[in-house]
Amino acid sequence: RQSVLDNVRIGGHARSRSDFVSDMLHLPWVRREEEALDTTVWRL
């Protein structure tokens, strides 16, 4: 039930350092991590 894009993105979350609180606050380092993951996912 997840798109191809989201399936690949889920793989990247296995190495993520974020947690529930960090995600909820949308801290700057979390945003940078998500942007880097997006770049990696589209490259793959």
PDB file of all heavy atoms in Angstrom:
ATOM      1  N   ARG A   1       0.805  -1.219   0.000  1.00  0.00           N
ATOM      2  CA  ARG A   1       0.000   0.000   0.000  1.00  0.00           C
ATOM      3  C   ARG A   1       0.837   1.268   0.000  1.00  0.00           C
ATOM      4  O   ARG A   1       0.301   2.368   0.126  1.00  0.00           O
ATOM      5  CB  ARG A   1      -0.952  -0.011   1.199  1.00  0.00           C
ATOM      6  CG  ARG A   1      -1.958  -1.159   1.142  1.00  0.00           C
ATOM      7  CD  ARG A   1      -2.985  -1.046   2.236  1.00  0.00           C
ATOM      8  NE  ARG A   1      -3.979  -2.116   2.156  1.00  0.00           N
ATOM      9  CZ  ARG A   1      -5.025  -2.236   2.960  1.00  0.00           C
ATOM     10  NH1 ARG A   1      -5.223  -1.328   3.914  1.00  0.00           N
ATOM     11  NH2 ARG A   1      -5.872  -3.228   2.818  1.00  0.00           N
ATOM     12  N   GLN A   2       2.138   1.108  -0.123  1.00  0.00           N
ATOM     13  CA  GLN A   2       3.035   2.261  -0.207  1.00  0.00           C
ATOM     14  C   GLN A   2       3.574   2.354  -1.631  1.00  0.00           C
ATOM     15  O   GLN A   2       3.810   1.346  -2.294  1.00  0.00           O
ATOM     16  CB  GLN A   2       4.205   2.108   0.774  1.00  0.00           C
ATOM     17  CG  GLN A   2       3.790   1.990   2.232  1.00  0.00           C
ATOM     18  CD  GLN A   2       3.290   3.304   2.783  1.00  0.00           C
ATOM     19  OE1 GLN A   2       3.694   4.376   2.344  1.00  0.00           O
ATOM     20  NE2 GLN A   2       2.384   3.231   3.758  1.00  0.00           N
ATOM     21  N   SER A   3       3.763   3.563  -2.122  1.00  0.00           N
ATOM     22  CA  SER A   3       4.303   3.750  -3.464  1.00  0.00           C
ATOM     23  C   SER A   3       5.733   3.235  -3.544  1.00  0.00           C
ATOM     24  O   SER A   3       6.390   2.983  -2.520  1.00  0.00           O
ATOM     25  CB  SER A   3       4.270   5.232  -3.831  1.00  0.00           C
ATOM     26  OG  SER A   3       5.207   5.953  -3.043  1.00  0.00           O
ATOM     27  N   VAL A   4       6.225   3.102  -4.763  1.00  0.00           N
ATOM     28  CA  VAL A   4       7.625   2.748  -4.964  1.00  0.00           C
ATOM     29  C   VAL A   4       8.530   3.745  -4.235  1.00  0.00           C
ATOM     30  O   VAL A   4       9.469   3.361  -3.530  1.00  0.00           O
ATOM     31  CB  VAL A   4       7.949   2.715  -6.470  1.00  0.00           C
ATOM     32  CG1 VAL A   4       9.459   2.661  -6.713  1.00  0.00           C
ATOM     33  CG2 VAL A   4       7.251   1.533  -7.137  1.00  0.00           C
ATOM     34  N   LEU A   5       8.231   5.024  -4.379  1.00  0.00           N
ATOM     35  CA  LEU A   5       9.021   6.063  -3.722  1.00  0.00           C
ATOM     36  C   LEU A   5       9.055   5.851  -2.216  1.00  0.00           C
ATOM     37  O   LEU A   5      10.125   5.910  -1.587  1.00  0.00           O
ATOM     38  CB  LEU A   5       8.424   7.435  -4.049  1.00  0.00           C
ATOM     39  CG  LEU A   5       9.045   8.648  -3.360  1.00  0.00           C
ATOM     40  CD1 LEU A   5      10.491   8.831  -3.784  1.00  0.00           C
ATOM     41  CD2 LEU A   5       8.228   9.906  -3.655  1.00  0.00           C
ATOM     42  N   ASP A   6       7.906   5.601  -1.611  1.00  0.00           N
ATOM     43  CA  ASP A   6       7.850   5.436  -0.158  1.00  0.00           C
ATOM     44  C   ASP A   6       8.503   4.135   0.291  1.00  0.00           C
ATOM     45  O   ASP A   6       9.098   4.076   1.379  1.00  0.00           O
ATOM     46  CB  ASP A   6       6.402   5.506   0.327  1.00  0.00           C
ATOM     47  CG  ASP A   6       5.845   6.918   0.287  1.00  0.00           C
ATOM     48  OD1 ASP A   6       6.644   7.864   0.307  1.00  0.00           O
ATOM     49  OD2 ASP A   6       4.603   7.067   0.221  1.00  0.00           O
ATOM     50  N   ASN A   7       8.398   3.076  -0.512  1.00  0.00           N
ATOM     51  CA  ASN A   7       9.093   1.838  -0.180  1.00  0.00           C
ATOM     52  C   ASN A   7      10.590   2.067  -0.078  1.00  0.00           C
ATOM     53  O   ASN A   7      11.243   1.591   0.858  1.00  0.00           O
ATOM     54  CB  ASN A   7       8.800   0.765  -1.231  1.00  0.00           C
ATOM     55  CG  ASN A   7       7.650  -0.141  -0.855  1.00  0.00           C
ATOM     56  OD1 ASN A   7       7.817  -1.119  -0.130  1.00  0.00           O
ATOM     57  ND2 ASN A   7       6.461   0.198  -1.347  1.00  0.00           N
ATOM     58  N   VAL A   8      11.138   2.806  -1.045  1.00  0.00           N
ATOM     59  CA  VAL A   8      12.580   3.071  -1.029  1.00  0.00           C
ATOM     60  C   VAL A   8      12.941   3.993   0.130  1.00  0.00           C
ATOM     61  O   VAL A   8      13.944   3.793   0.822  1.00  0.00           O
ATOM     62  CB  VAL A   8      13.029   3.668  -2.375  1.00  0.00           C
ATOM     63  CG1 VAL A   8      14.521   3.990  -2.355  1.00  0.00           C
ATOM     64  CG2 VAL A   8      12.721   2.695  -3.518  1.00  0.00           C
ATOM     65  N   ARG A   9      12.100   4.988   0.381  1.00  0.00           N
ATOM     66  CA  ARG A   9      12.357   5.914   1.482  1.00  0.00           C
ATOM     67  C   ARG A   9      12.393   5.190   2.833  1.00  0.00           C
ATOM     68  O   ARG A   9      13.193   5.512   3.707  1.00  0.00           O
ATOM     69  CB  ARG A   9      11.279   7.006   1.502  1.00  0.00           C
ATOM     70  CG  ARG A   9      11.612   8.184   2.415  1.00  0.00           C
ATOM     71  CD  ARG A   9      10.387   9.045   2.633  1.00  0.00           C
ATOM     72  NE  ARG A   9       9.821   9.497   1.368  1.00  0.00           N
ATOM     73  CZ  ARG A   9      10.225  10.594   0.727  1.00  0.00           C
ATOM     74  NH1 ARG A   9      11.185  11.330   1.241  1.00  0.00           N
ATOM     75  NH2 ARG A   9       9.645  10.945  -0.416  1.00  0.00           N
ATOM     76  N   ILE A  10      11.509   4.202   3.000  1.00  0.00           N
ATOM     77  CA  ILE A  10      11.479   3.430   4.249  1.00  0.00           C
ATOM     78  C   ILE A  10      12.826   2.772   4.510  1.00  0.00           C
ATOM     79  O   ILE A  10      13.287   2.693   5.647  1.00  0.00           O
ATOM     80  CB  ILE A  10      10.340   2.386   4.194  1.00  0.00           C
ATOM     81  CG1 ILE A  10       8.985   3.090   4.334  1.00  0.00           C
ATOM     82  CG2 ILE A  10      10.511   1.328   5.289  1.00  0.00           C
ATOM     83  CD1 ILE A  10       7.801   2.210   4.011  1.00  0.00           C
ATOM     84  N   GLY A  11      13.481   2.306   3.438  1.00  0.00           N
ATOM     85  CA  GLY A  11      14.803   1.713   3.616  1.00  0.00           C
ATOM     86  C   GLY A  11      15.794   2.689   4.214  1.00  0.00           C
ATOM     87  O   GLY A  11      16.604   2.325   5.072  1.00  0.00           O
ATOM     88  N   GLY A  12      15.729   3.932   3.787  1.00  0.00           N
ATOM     89  CA  GLY A  12      16.645   4.938   4.315  1.00  0.00           C
ATOM     90  C   GLY A  12      16.422   5.245   5.775  1.00  0.00           C
ATOM     91  O   GLY A  12      17.346   5.635   6.491  1.00  0.00           O
ATOM     92  N   HIS A  13      15.200   5.070   6.250  1.00  0.00           N
ATOM     93  CA  HIS A  13      14.913   5.356   7.657  1.00  0.00           C
ATOM     94  C   HIS A  13      15.588   4.366   8.605  1.00  0.00           C
ATOM     95  O   HIS A  13      15.675   4.621   9.805  1.00  0.00           O
ATOM     96  CB  HIS A  13      13.400   5.359   7.891  1.00  0.00           C
ATOM     97  CG  HIS A  13      12.731   6.585   7.343  1.00  0.00           C
ATOM     98  ND1 HIS A  13      11.440   6.591   6.885  1.00  0.00           N
ATOM     99  CD2 HIS A  13      13.183   7.860   7.159  1.00  0.00           C
ATOM    100  CE1 HIS A  13      11.121   7.800   6.449  1.00  0.00           C
ATOM    101  NE2 HIS A  13      12.165   8.584   6.605  1.00  0.00           N
ATOM    102  N   ALA A  14      16.052   3.237   8.066  1.00  0.00           N
ATOM    103  CA  ALA A  14      16.749   2.265   8.915  1.00  0.00           C
ATOM    104  C   ALA A  14      18.029   2.841   9.499  1.00  0.00           C
ATOM    105  O   ALA A  14      18.500   2.384  10.543  1.00  0.00           O
ATOM    106  CB  ALA A  14      17.070   1.001   8.113  1.00  0.00           C
ATOM    107  N   ARG A  15      18.602   3.848   8.832  1.00  0.00           N
ATOM    108  CA  ARG A  15      19.838   4.461   9.329  1.00  0.00           C
ATOM    109  C   ARG A  15      19.594   5.859   9.888  1.00  0.00           C
ATOM    110  O   ARG A  15      20.539   6.591  10.178  1.00  0.00           O
ATOM    111  CB  ARG A  15      20.870   4.547   8.192  1.00  0.00           C
ATOM    112  CG  ARG A  15      21.326   3.208   7.647  1.00  0.00           C
ATOM    113  CD  ARG A  15      22.242   2.478   8.614  1.00  0.00           C
ATOM    114  NE  ARG A  15      23.514   3.153   8.760  1.00  0.00           N
ATOM    115  CZ  ARG A  15      24.567   2.923   7.980  1.00  0.00           C
ATOM    116  NH1 ARG A  15      24.501   2.066   6.999  1.00  0.00           N
ATOM    117  NH2 ARG A  15      25.706   3.555   8.196  1.00  0.00           N
ATOM    118  N   SER A  16      18.321   6.232  10.076  1.00  0.00           N
ATOM    119  CA  SER A  16      18.003   7.567  10.569  1.00  0.00           C
ATOM    120  C   SER A  16      18.327   7.705  12.056  1.00  0.00           C
ATOM    121  O   SER A  16      18.180   6.757  12.828  1.00  0.00           O
ATOM    122  CB  SER A  16      16.508   7.863  10.347  1.00  0.00           C
ATOM    123  OG  SER A  16      16.134   9.069  10.973  1.00  0.00           O
ATOM    124  N   ARG A  17      18.738   8.905  12.466  1.00  0.00           N
ATOM    125  CA  ARG A  17      19.013   9.175  13.883  1.00  0.00           C
ATOM    126  C   ARG A  17      17.827   9.833  14.581  1.00  0.00           C
ATOM    127  O   ARG A  17      17.862  10.081  15.776  1.00  0.00           O
ATOM    128  CB  ARG A  17      20.233  10.103  14.015  1.00  0.00           C
ATOM    129  CG  ARG A  17      21.532   9.510  13.507  1.00  0.00           C
ATOM    130  CD  ARG A  17      22.702  10.465  13.728  1.00  0.00           C
ATOM    131  NE  ARG A  17      22.552  11.701  12.966  1.00  0.00           N
ATOM    132  CZ  ARG A  17      22.394  12.905  13.509  1.00  0.00           C
ATOM    133  NH1 ARG A  17      22.339  13.043  14.812  1.00  0.00           N
ATOM    134  NH2 ARG A  17      22.286  13.977  12.744  1.00  0.00           N
ATOM    135  N   SER A  18      16.774  10.141  13.831  1.00  0.00           N
ATOM    136  CA  SER A  18      15.654  10.875  14.419  1.00  0.00           C
ATOM    137  C   SER A  18      14.798   9.973  15.287  1.00  0.00           C
ATOM    138  O   SER A  18      14.840   8.751  15.196  1.00  0.00           O
ATOM    139  CB  SER A  18      14.798  11.497  13.317  1.00  0.00           C
ATOM    140  OG  SER A  18      14.196  10.500  12.525  1.00  0.00           O
ATOM    141  N   ASP A  19      13.994  10.611  16.153  1.00  0.00           N
ATOM    142  CA  ASP A  19      13.065   9.889  17.003  1.00  0.00           C
ATOM    143  C   ASP A  19      11.730  10.639  16.995  1.00  0.00           C
ATOM    144  O   ASP A  19      11.573  11.653  16.296  1.00  0.00           O
ATOM    145  CB  ASP A  19      13.611   9.740  18.427  1.00  0.00           C
ATOM    146  CG  ASP A  19      14.045  11.067  19.027  1.00  0.00           C
ATOM    147  OD1 ASP A  19      13.414  12.105  18.698  1.00  0.00           O
ATOM    148  OD2 ASP A  19      15.002  11.090  19.820  1.00  0.00           O
ATOM    149  N   PHE A  20      10.768  10.164  17.760  1.00  0.00           N
ATOM    150  CA  PHE A  20       9.423  10.746  17.730  1.00  0.00           C
ATOM    151  C   PHE A  20       9.444  12.229  18.100  1.00  0.00           C
ATOM    152  O   PHE A  20       8.837  13.062  17.420  1.00  0.00           O
ATOM    153  CB  PHE A  20       8.503   9.980  18.680  1.00  0.00           C
ATOM    154  CG  PHE A  20       7.128  10.577  18.781  1.00  0.00           C
ATOM    155  CD1 PHE A  20       6.200  10.399  17.760  1.00  0.00           C
ATOM    156  CD2 PHE A  20       6.758  11.337  19.883  1.00  0.00           C
ATOM    157  CE1 PHE A  20       4.932  10.960  17.843  1.00  0.00           C
ATOM    158  CE2 PHE A  20       5.496  11.904  19.973  1.00  0.00           C
ATOM    159  CZ  PHE A  20       4.578  11.707  18.949  1.00  0.00           C
ATOM    160  N   VAL A  21      10.162  12.574  19.180  1.00  0.00           N
ATOM    161  CA  VAL A  21      10.186  13.967  19.645  1.00  0.00           C
ATOM    162  C   VAL A  21      10.868  14.869  18.613  1.00  0.00           C
ATOM    163  O   VAL A  21      10.379  15.960  18.281  1.00  0.00           O
ATOM    164  CB  VAL A  21      10.882  14.070  21.012  1.00  0.00           C
ATOM    165  CG1 VAL A  21      11.020  15.535  21.431  1.00  0.00           C
ATOM    166  CG2 VAL A  21      10.094  13.290  22.071  1.00  0.00           C
ATOM    167  N   SER A  22      12.011  14.412  18.093  1.00  0.00           N
ATOM    168  CA  SER A  22      12.737  15.205  17.097  1.00  0.00           C
ATOM    169  C   SER A  22      11.889  15.435  15.851  1.00  0.00           C
ATOM    170  O   SER A  22      11.857  16.532  15.290  1.00  0.00           O
ATOM    171  CB  SER A  22      14.048  14.497  16.712  1.00  0.00           C
ATOM    172  OG  SER A  22      14.870  14.321  17.839  1.00  0.00           O
ATOM    173  N   ASP A  23      11.190  14.366  15.417  1.00  0.00           N
ATOM    174  CA  ASP A  23      10.328  14.503  14.243  1.00  0.00           C
ATOM    175  C   ASP A  23       9.180  15.478  14.517  1.00  0.00           C
ATOM    176  O   ASP A  23       8.819  16.291  13.660  1.00  0.00           O
ATOM    177  CB  ASP A  23       9.763  13.142  13.831  1.00  0.00           C
ATOM    178  CG  ASP A  23      10.828  12.238  13.231  1.00  0.00           C
ATOM    179  OD1 ASP A  23      11.881  12.756  12.826  1.00  0.00           O
ATOM    180  OD2 ASP A  23      10.606  11.009  13.169  1.00  0.00           O
ATOM    181  N   MET A  24       8.583  15.387  15.706  1.00  0.00           N
ATOM    182  CA  MET A  24       7.454  16.234  16.050  1.00  0.00           C
ATOM    183  C   MET A  24       7.868  17.708  16.086  1.00  0.00           C
ATOM    184  O   MET A  24       7.127  18.589  15.620  1.00  0.00           O
ATOM    185  CB  MET A  24       6.881  15.820  17.414  1.00  0.00           C
ATOM    186  CG  MET A  24       5.634  16.598  17.826  1.00  0.00           C
ATOM    187  SD  MET A  24       4.978  15.988  19.396  1.00  0.00           S
ATOM    188  CE  MET A  24       6.330  16.372  20.508  1.00  0.00           C
ATOM    189  N   LEU A  25       9.071  17.979  16.599  1.00  0.00           N
ATOM    190  CA  LEU A  25       9.565  19.356  16.674  1.00  0.00           C
ATOM    191  C   LEU A  25      10.161  19.836  15.354  1.00  0.00           C
ATOM    192  O   LEU A  25      10.412  21.031  15.201  1.00  0.00           O
ATOM    193  CB  LEU A  25      10.614  19.462  17.785  1.00  0.00           C
ATOM    194  CG  LEU A  25      10.115  19.193  19.204  1.00  0.00           C
ATOM    195  CD1 LEU A  25      11.275  19.214  20.191  1.00  0.00           C
ATOM    196  CD2 LEU A  25       9.041  20.205  19.607  1.00  0.00           C
ATOM    197  N   HIS A  26      10.378  18.881  14.449  1.00  0.00           N
ATOM    198  CA  HIS A  26      10.938  19.193  13.135  1.00  0.00           C
ATOM    199  C   HIS A  26      12.212  20.016  13.289  1.00  0.00           C
ATOM    200  O   HIS A  26      12.366  21.108  12.718  1.00  0.00           O
ATOM    201  CB  HIS A  26       9.909  19.943  12.274  1.00  0.00           C
ATOM    202  CG  HIS A  26      10.059  19.655  10.816  1.00  0.00           C
ATOM    203  ND1 HIS A  26      10.178  18.383  10.306  1.00  0.00           N
ATOM    204  CD2 HIS A  26      10.122  20.491   9.740  1.00  0.00           C
ATOM    205  CE1 HIS A  26      10.290  18.432   8.995  1.00  0.00           C
ATOM    206  NE2 HIS A  26      10.280  19.701   8.625  1.00  0.00           N
ATOM    207  N   LEU A  27      13.135  19.492  14.071  1.00  0.00           N
ATOM    208  CA  LEU A  27      14.389  20.181  14.353  1.00  0.00           C
ATOM    209  C   LEU A  27      15.214  20.346  13.070  1.00  0.00           C
ATOM    210  O   LEU A  27      15.067  19.568  12.124  1.00  0.00           O
ATOM    211  CB  LEU A  27      15.185  19.386  15.383  1.00  0.00           C
ATOM    212  CG  LEU A  27      14.510  19.238  16.756  1.00  0.00           C
ATOM    213  CD1 LEU A  27      15.347  18.350  17.659  1.00  0.00           C
ATOM    214  CD2 LEU A  27      14.290  20.598  17.400  1.00  0.00           C
ATOM    215  N   PRO A  28      16.073  21.364  13.039  1.00  0.00           N
ATOM    216  CA  PRO A  28      16.851  21.625  11.815  1.00  0.00           C
ATOM    217  C   PRO A  28      17.651  20.422  11.331  1.00  0.00           C
ATOM    218  O   PRO A  28      17.713  20.157  10.125  1.00  0.00           O
ATOM    219  CB  PRO A  28      17.763  22.789  12.221  1.00  0.00           C
ATOM    220  CG  PRO A  28      16.998  23.494  13.304  1.00  0.00           C
ATOM    221  CD  PRO A  28      16.292  22.406  14.065  1.00  0.00           C
ATOM    222  N   TRP A  29      18.288  19.681  12.258  1.00  0.00           N
ATOM    223  CA  TRP A  29      19.086  18.542  11.815  1.00  0.00           C
ATOM    224  C   TRP A  29      18.206  17.435  11.244  1.00  0.00           C
ATOM    225  O   TRP A  29      18.642  16.692  10.350  1.00  0.00           O
ATOM    226  CB  TRP A  29      19.967  18.017  12.958  1.00  0.00           C
ATOM    227  CG  TRP A  29      19.240  17.353  14.091  1.00  0.00           C
ATOM    228  CD1 TRP A  29      18.825  17.931  15.249  1.00  0.00           C
ATOM    229  CD2 TRP A  29      18.862  15.972  14.172  1.00  0.00           C
ATOM    230  NE1 TRP A  29      18.209  17.011  16.052  1.00  0.00           N
ATOM    231  CE2 TRP A  29      18.222  15.797  15.424  1.00  0.00           C
ATOM    232  CE3 TRP A  29      19.000  14.874  13.336  1.00  0.00           C
ATOM    233  CZ2 TRP A  29      17.724  14.558  15.838  1.00  0.00           C
ATOM    234  CZ3 TRP A  29      18.508  13.647  13.745  1.00  0.00           C
ATOM    235  CH2 TRP A  29      17.878  13.501  14.978  1.00  0.00           C
ATOM    236  N   VAL A  30      16.948  17.340  11.715  1.00  0.00           N
ATOM    237  CA  VAL A  30      16.013  16.358  11.153  1.00  0.00           C
ATOM    238  C   VAL A  30      15.660  16.754   9.722  1.00  0.00           C
ATOM    239  O   VAL A  30      15.607  15.905   8.817  1.00  0.00           O
ATOM    240  CB  VAL A  30      14.749  16.242  12.021  1.00  0.00           C
ATOM    241  CG1 VAL A  30      13.719  15.338  11.351  1.00  0.00           C
ATOM    242  CG2 VAL A  30      15.100  15.715  13.405  1.00  0.00           C
ATOM    243  N   ARG A  31      15.419  18.041   9.492  1.00  0.00           N
ATOM    244  CA  ARG A  31      15.119  18.512   8.140  1.00  0.00           C
ATOM    245  C   ARG A  31      16.281  18.236   7.192  1.00  0.00           C
ATOM    246  O   ARG A  31      16.087  17.806   6.054  1.00  0.00           O
ATOM    247  CB  ARG A  31      14.781  20.004   8.147  1.00  0.00           C
ATOM    248  CG  ARG A  31      13.455  20.333   8.842  1.00  0.00           C
ATOM    249  CD  ARG A  31      12.978  21.738   8.468  1.00  0.00           C
ATOM    250  NE  ARG A  31      13.936  22.766   8.886  1.00  0.00           N
ATOM    251  CZ  ARG A  31      13.935  23.343  10.083  1.00  0.00           C
ATOM    252  NH1 ARG A  31      13.036  22.990  10.991  1.00  0.00           N
ATOM    253  NH2 ARG A  31      14.820  24.285  10.377  1.00  0.00           N
ATOM    254  N   ARG A  32      17.498  18.477   7.678  1.00  0.00           N
ATOM    255  CA  ARG A  32      18.674  18.223   6.829  1.00  0.00           C
ATOM    256  C   ARG A  32      18.796  16.735   6.508  1.00  0.00           C
ATOM    257  O   ARG A  32      19.140  16.356   5.387  1.00  0.00           O
ATOM    258  CB  ARG A  32      19.942  18.732   7.521  1.00  0.00           C
ATOM    259  CG  ARG A  32      20.044  20.261   7.581  1.00  0.00           C
ATOM    260  CD  ARG A  32      21.446  20.688   7.975  1.00  0.00           C
ATOM    261  NE  ARG A  32      21.804  20.234   9.314  1.00  0.00           N
ATOM    262  CZ  ARG A  32      21.565  20.931  10.436  1.00  0.00           C
ATOM    263  NH1 ARG A  32      20.944  22.111  10.369  1.00  0.00           N
ATOM    264  NH2 ARG A  32      21.940  20.459  11.606  1.00  0.00           N
ATOM    265  N   GLU A  33      18.505  15.911   7.502  1.00  0.00           N
ATOM    266  CA  GLU A  33      18.575  14.467   7.293  1.00  0.00           C
ATOM    267  C   GLU A  33      17.542  14.009   6.271  1.00  0.00           C
ATOM    268  O   GLU A  33      17.820  13.182   5.397  1.00  0.00           O
ATOM    269  CB  GLU A  33      18.374  13.732   8.624  1.00  0.00           C
ATOM    270  CG  GLU A  33      18.678  12.253   8.568  1.00  0.00           C
ATOM    271  CD  GLU A  33      18.604  11.600   9.942  1.00  0.00           C
ATOM    272  OE1 GLU A  33      17.474  11.398  10.440  1.00  0.00           O
ATOM    273  OE2 GLU A  33      19.661  11.315  10.526  1.00  0.00           O
ATOM    274  N   GLU A  34      16.328  14.557   6.351  1.00  0.00           N
ATOM    275  CA  GLU A  34      15.267  14.198   5.399  1.00  0.00           C
ATOM    276  C   GLU A  34      15.602  14.678   3.993  1.00  0.00           C
ATOM    277  O   GLU A  34      15.338  13.969   3.008  1.00  0.00           O
ATOM    278  CB  GLU A  34      13.932  14.800   5.865  1.00  0.00           C
ATOM    279  CG  GLU A  34      13.300  14.076   7.044  1.00  0.00           C
ATOM    280  CD  GLU A  34      12.920  12.648   6.700  1.00  0.00           C
ATOM    281  OE1 GLU A  34      12.359  12.422   5.611  1.00  0.00           O
ATOM    282  OE2 GLU A  34      13.205  11.755   7.513  1.00  0.00           O
ATOM    283  N   GLU A  35      16.193  15.860   3.884  1.00  0.00           N
ATOM    284  CA  GLU A  35      16.590  16.369   2.569  1.00  0.00           C
ATOM    285  C   GLU A  35      17.674  15.490   1.956  1.00  0.00           C
ATOM    286  O   GLU A  35      17.643  15.197   0.751  1.00  0.00           O
ATOM    287  CB  GLU A  35      17.078  17.818   2.700  1.00  0.00           C
ATOM    288  CG  GLU A  35      15.959  18.810   3.006  1.00  0.00           C
ATOM    289  CD  GLU A  35      16.487  20.179   3.402  1.00  0.00           C
ATOM    290  OE1 GLU A  35      17.740  20.337   3.450  1.00  0.00           O
ATOM    291  OE2 GLU A  35      15.676  21.081   3.673  1.00  0.00           O
ATOM    292  N   ALA A  36      18.623  15.064   2.779  1.00  0.00           N
ATOM    293  CA  ALA A  36      19.682  14.178   2.283  1.00  0.00           C
ATOM    294  C   ALA A  36      19.100  12.835   1.850  1.00  0.00           C
ATOM    295  O   ALA A  36      19.514  12.264   0.834  1.00  0.00           O
ATOM    296  CB  ALA A  36      20.739  13.969   3.369  1.00  0.00           C
ATOM    297  N   LEU A  37      18.111  12.333   2.619  1.00  0.00           N
ATOM    298  CA  LEU A  37      17.468  11.068   2.260  1.00  0.00           C
ATOM    299  C   LEU A  37      16.722  11.201   0.941  1.00  0.00           C
ATOM    300  O   LEU A  37      16.800  10.312   0.083  1.00  0.00           O
ATOM    301  CB  LEU A  37      16.508  10.634   3.366  1.00  0.00           C
ATOM    302  CG  LEU A  37      15.678   9.370   3.098  1.00  0.00           C
ATOM    303  CD1 LEU A  37      16.584   8.189   2.783  1.00  0.00           C
ATOM    304  CD2 LEU A  37      14.772   9.061   4.281  1.00  0.00           C
ATOM    305  N   ASP A  38      16.010  12.314   0.750  1.00  0.00           N
ATOM    306  CA  ASP A  38      15.298  12.531  -0.510  1.00  0.00           C
ATOM    307  C   ASP A  38      16.263  12.512  -1.694  1.00  0.00           C
ATOM    308  O   ASP A  38      15.975  11.915  -2.741  1.00  0.00           O
ATOM    309  CB  ASP A  38      14.559  13.869  -0.483  1.00  0.00           C
ATOM    310  CG  ASP A  38      13.254  13.789   0.293  1.00  0.00           C
ATOM    311  OD1 ASP A  38      12.773  12.670   0.522  1.00  0.00           O
ATOM    312  OD2 ASP A  38      12.720  14.856   0.654  1.00  0.00           O
ATOM    313  N   THR A  39      17.412  13.151  -1.528  1.00  0.00           N
ATOM    314  CA  THR A  39      18.414  13.163  -2.592  1.00  0.00           C
ATOM    315  C   THR A  39      18.887  11.748  -2.903  1.00  0.00           C
ATOM    316  O   THR A  39      18.998  11.349  -4.070  1.00  0.00           O
ATOM    317  CB  THR A  39      19.608  14.044  -2.190  1.00  0.00           C
ATOM    318  OG1 THR A  39      19.148  15.382  -1.972  1.00  0.00           O
ATOM    319  CG2 THR A  39      20.680  14.041  -3.273  1.00  0.00           C
ATOM    320  N   THR A  40      19.148  10.972  -1.848  1.00  0.00           N
ATOM    321  CA  THR A  40      19.603   9.591  -2.020  1.00  0.00           C
ATOM    322  C   THR A  40      18.540   8.741  -2.705  1.00  0.00           C
ATOM    323  O   THR A  40      18.839   7.969  -3.627  1.00  0.00           O
ATOM    324  CB  THR A  40      19.962   8.970  -0.659  1.00  0.00           C
ATOM    325  OG1 THR A  40      21.061   9.688  -0.088  1.00  0.00           O
ATOM    326  CG2 THR A  40      20.340   7.502  -0.793  1.00  0.00           C
ATOM    327  N   VAL A  41      17.291   8.882  -2.266  1.00  0.00           N
ATOM    328  CA  VAL A  41      16.202   8.066  -2.815  1.00  0.00           C
ATOM    329  C   VAL A  41      16.027   8.323  -4.303  1.00  0.00           C
ATOM    330  O   VAL A  41      15.933   7.384  -5.113  1.00  0.00           O
ATOM    331  CB  VAL A  41      14.891   8.331  -2.046  1.00  0.00           C
ATOM    332  CG1 VAL A  41      13.701   7.746  -2.803  1.00  0.00           C
ATOM    333  CG2 VAL A  41      14.978   7.734  -0.649  1.00  0.00           C
ATOM    334  N   TRP A  42      15.992   9.587  -4.708  1.00  0.00           N
ATOM    335  CA  TRP A  42      15.804   9.890  -6.129  1.00  0.00           C
ATOM    336  C   TRP A  42      17.016   9.463  -6.957  1.00  0.00           C
ATOM    337  O   TRP A  42      16.867   9.022  -8.111  1.00  0.00           O
ATOM    338  CB  TRP A  42      15.496  11.368  -6.320  1.00  0.00           C
ATOM    339  CG  TRP A  42      14.077  11.696  -5.958  1.00  0.00           C
ATOM    340  CD1 TRP A  42      13.643  12.354  -4.848  1.00  0.00           C
ATOM    341  CD2 TRP A  42      12.906  11.343  -6.702  1.00  0.00           C
ATOM    342  NE1 TRP A  42      12.271  12.430  -4.850  1.00  0.00           N
ATOM    343  CE2 TRP A  42      11.794  11.829  -5.978  1.00  0.00           C
ATOM    344  CE3 TRP A  42      12.692  10.662  -7.903  1.00  0.00           C
ATOM    345  CZ2 TRP A  42      10.475  11.663  -6.422  1.00  0.00           C
ATOM    346  CZ3 TRP A  42      11.393  10.483  -8.350  1.00  0.00           C
ATOM    347  CH2 TRP A  42      10.302  10.982  -7.621  1.00  0.00           C
ATOM    348  N   ARG A  43      18.205   9.544  -6.376  1.00  0.00           N
ATOM    349  CA  ARG A  43      19.392   9.064  -7.095  1.00  0.00           C
ATOM    350  C   ARG A  43      19.296   7.559  -7.335  1.00  0.00           C
ATOM    351  O   ARG A  43      19.618   7.071  -8.430  1.00  0.00           O
ATOM    352  CB  ARG A  43      20.658   9.396  -6.293  1.00  0.00           C
ATOM    353  CG  ARG A  43      21.954   8.967  -6.983  1.00  0.00           C
ATOM    354  CD  ARG A  43      23.169   9.331  -6.162  1.00  0.00           C
ATOM    355  NE  ARG A  43      23.165   8.663  -4.868  1.00  0.00           N
ATOM    356  CZ  ARG A  43      23.528   7.388  -4.689  1.00  0.00           C
ATOM    357  NH1 ARG A  43      23.903   6.649  -5.716  1.00  0.00           N
ATOM    358  NH2 ARG A  43      23.529   6.853  -3.489  1.00  0.00           N
ATOM    359  N   LEU A  44      18.828   6.820  -6.331  1.00  0.00           N
ATOM    360  CA  LEU A  44      18.692   5.371  -6.483  1.00  0.00           C
ATOM    361  C   LEU A  44      17.581   5.014  -7.465  1.00  0.00           C
ATOM    362  O   LEU A  44      17.707   4.053  -8.239  1.00  0.00           O
ATOM    363  CB  LEU A  44      18.426   4.726  -5.120  1.00  0.00           C
ATOM    364  CG  LEU A  44      19.605   4.751  -4.148  1.00  0.00           C
ATOM    365  CD1 LEU A  44      19.166   4.280  -2.767  1.00  0.00           C
ATOM    366  CD2 LEU A  44      20.753   3.886  -4.664  1.00  0.00           C
TER     367      LEU A  44
END
